């Protein structure tokens, strides 16, 4: 089983349109991605071990600034 970022990359390589995303492995990378994407973003934990990320508290919607991202 793949995690979501792997699945999105695989779909994109197959020519399937996917949502813009950045896989981040540190807070600094997440901050850079927040600025690069601009506007409001969703932040999701990325793991193949948890199927329902929202139920595990690994999804934050409406993140629009550094303070919200750090939280």
C-alpha atoms as a PDB file:
ATOM      1  CA  UNK A   1       0.000   0.000   0.000  1.00  0.00           C
ATOM      2  CA  UNK A   2       1.263   3.492  -0.849  1.00  0.00           C
ATOM      3  CA  UNK A   3       0.795   6.691   1.079  1.00  0.00           C
ATOM      4  CA  UNK A   4      -1.161   9.531  -0.479  1.00  0.00           C
ATOM      5  CA  UNK A   5       1.816  11.448  -1.908  1.00  0.00           C
ATOM      6  CA  UNK A   6       3.052   8.309  -3.698  1.00  0.00           C
ATOM      7  CA  UNK A   7      -0.430   7.669  -5.080  1.00  0.00           C
ATOM      8  CA  UNK A   8      -0.734  11.273  -6.317  1.00  0.00           C
ATOM      9  CA  UNK A   9       2.669  11.096  -8.009  1.00  0.00           C
ATOM     10  CA  UNK A  10       1.747   7.798  -9.673  1.00  0.00           C
ATOM     11  CA  UNK A  11      -1.547   9.242 -10.927  1.00  0.00           C
ATOM     12  CA  UNK A  12       0.190  12.363 -12.254  1.00  0.00           C
ATOM     13  CA  UNK A  13       2.761  10.251 -14.132  1.00  0.00           C
ATOM     14  CA  UNK A  14      -0.155   8.392 -15.726  1.00  0.00           C
ATOM     15  CA  UNK A  15      -1.583  11.692 -16.963  1.00  0.00           C
ATOM     16  CA  UNK A  16      -4.376  11.912 -14.400  1.00  0.00           C
ATOM     17  CA  UNK A  17      -4.886  15.467 -13.078  1.00  0.00           C
ATOM     18  CA  UNK A  18      -4.131  15.744  -9.364  1.00  0.00           C
ATOM     19  CA  UNK A  19      -4.356  18.508  -6.795  1.00  0.00           C
ATOM     20  CA  UNK A  20      -1.180  20.529  -6.243  1.00  0.00           C
ATOM     21  CA  UNK A  21       0.746  19.100  -3.298  1.00  0.00           C
ATOM     22  CA  UNK A  22       4.154  19.129  -1.665  1.00  0.00           C
ATOM     23  CA  UNK A  23       5.465  16.274   0.461  1.00  0.00           C
ATOM     24  CA  UNK A  24       7.276  17.843   3.426  1.00  0.00           C
ATOM     25  CA  UNK A  25       9.465  16.099   5.955  1.00  0.00           C
ATOM     26  CA  UNK A  26      10.190  19.011   8.278  1.00  0.00           C
ATOM     27  CA  UNK A  27       8.591  22.161   9.607  1.00  0.00           C
ATOM     28  CA  UNK A  28      10.925  24.268   7.462  1.00  0.00           C
ATOM     29  CA  UNK A  29       9.801  22.392   4.345  1.00  0.00           C
ATOM     30  CA  UNK A  30       6.154  22.831   5.353  1.00  0.00           C
ATOM     31  CA  UNK A  31       6.646  26.579   5.876  1.00  0.00           C
ATOM     32  CA  UNK A  32       8.296  26.895   2.463  1.00  0.00           C
ATOM     33  CA  UNK A  33       5.428  24.950   0.866  1.00  0.00           C
ATOM     34  CA  UNK A  34       2.846  27.137   2.596  1.00  0.00           C
ATOM     35  CA  UNK A  35       4.455  30.228   1.077  1.00  0.00           C
ATOM     36  CA  UNK A  36       4.922  28.581  -2.335  1.00  0.00           C
ATOM     37  CA  UNK A  37       1.296  27.452  -2.599  1.00  0.00           C
ATOM     38  CA  UNK A  38      -0.053  30.715  -1.182  1.00  0.00           C
ATOM     39  CA  UNK A  39      -3.570  31.196   0.044  1.00  0.00           C
ATOM     40  CA  UNK A  40      -5.259  28.595   2.193  1.00  0.00           C
ATOM     41  CA  UNK A  41      -3.951  25.012   2.291  1.00  0.00           C
ATOM     42  CA  UNK A  42      -4.794  21.647   3.793  1.00  0.00           C
ATOM     43  CA  UNK A  43      -2.137  19.906   5.865  1.00  0.00           C
ATOM     44  CA  UNK A  44      -2.270  16.115   6.104  1.00  0.00           C
ATOM     45  CA  UNK A  45      -0.132  13.583   7.859  1.00  0.00           C
ATOM     46  CA  UNK A  46       1.313  11.203   5.283  1.00  0.00           C
ATOM     47  CA  UNK A  47       1.540   7.568   6.285  1.00  0.00           C
ATOM     48  CA  UNK A  48       0.584   4.274   4.739  1.00  0.00           C
ATOM     49  CA  UNK A  49      -0.223   2.909   8.208  1.00  0.00           C
ATOM     50  CA  UNK A  50      -3.359   5.013   8.788  1.00  0.00           C
ATOM     51  CA  UNK A  51      -6.185   4.810   6.267  1.00  0.00           C
ATOM     52  CA  UNK A  52      -8.520   7.404   7.770  1.00  0.00           C
ATOM     53  CA  UNK A  53      -6.255  10.369   8.504  1.00  0.00           C
ATOM     54  CA  UNK A  54      -9.078  12.697   9.536  1.00  0.00           C
ATOM     55  CA  UNK A  55     -10.299  10.251  12.178  1.00  0.00           C
ATOM     56  CA  UNK A  56      -6.757  10.073  13.570  1.00  0.00           C
ATOM     57  CA  UNK A  57      -6.501  13.880  13.793  1.00  0.00           C
ATOM     58  CA  UNK A  58      -3.957  14.087  10.965  1.00  0.00           C
ATOM     59  CA  UNK A  59      -5.829  16.576   8.760  1.00  0.00           C
ATOM     60  CA  UNK A  60      -6.032  20.345   9.191  1.00  0.00           C
ATOM     61  CA  UNK A  61      -8.042  22.392   6.714  1.00  0.00           C
ATOM     62  CA  UNK A  62      -7.948  26.135   6.205  1.00  0.00           C
ATOM     63  CA  UNK A  63      -4.301  26.635   7.187  1.00  0.00           C
ATOM     64  CA  UNK A  64      -3.396  30.102   5.969  1.00  0.00           C
ATOM     65  CA  UNK A  65      -0.454  31.360   8.022  1.00  0.00           C
ATOM     66  CA  UNK A  66       2.663  30.252   9.863  1.00  0.00           C
ATOM     67  CA  UNK A  67       0.983  30.295  13.275  1.00  0.00           C
ATOM     68  CA  UNK A  68      -1.749  27.898  12.108  1.00  0.00           C
ATOM     69  CA  UNK A  69       0.822  25.646  10.452  1.00  0.00           C
ATOM     70  CA  UNK A  70       2.984  25.494  13.569  1.00  0.00           C
ATOM     71  CA  UNK A  71      -0.062  24.600  15.661  1.00  0.00           C
END
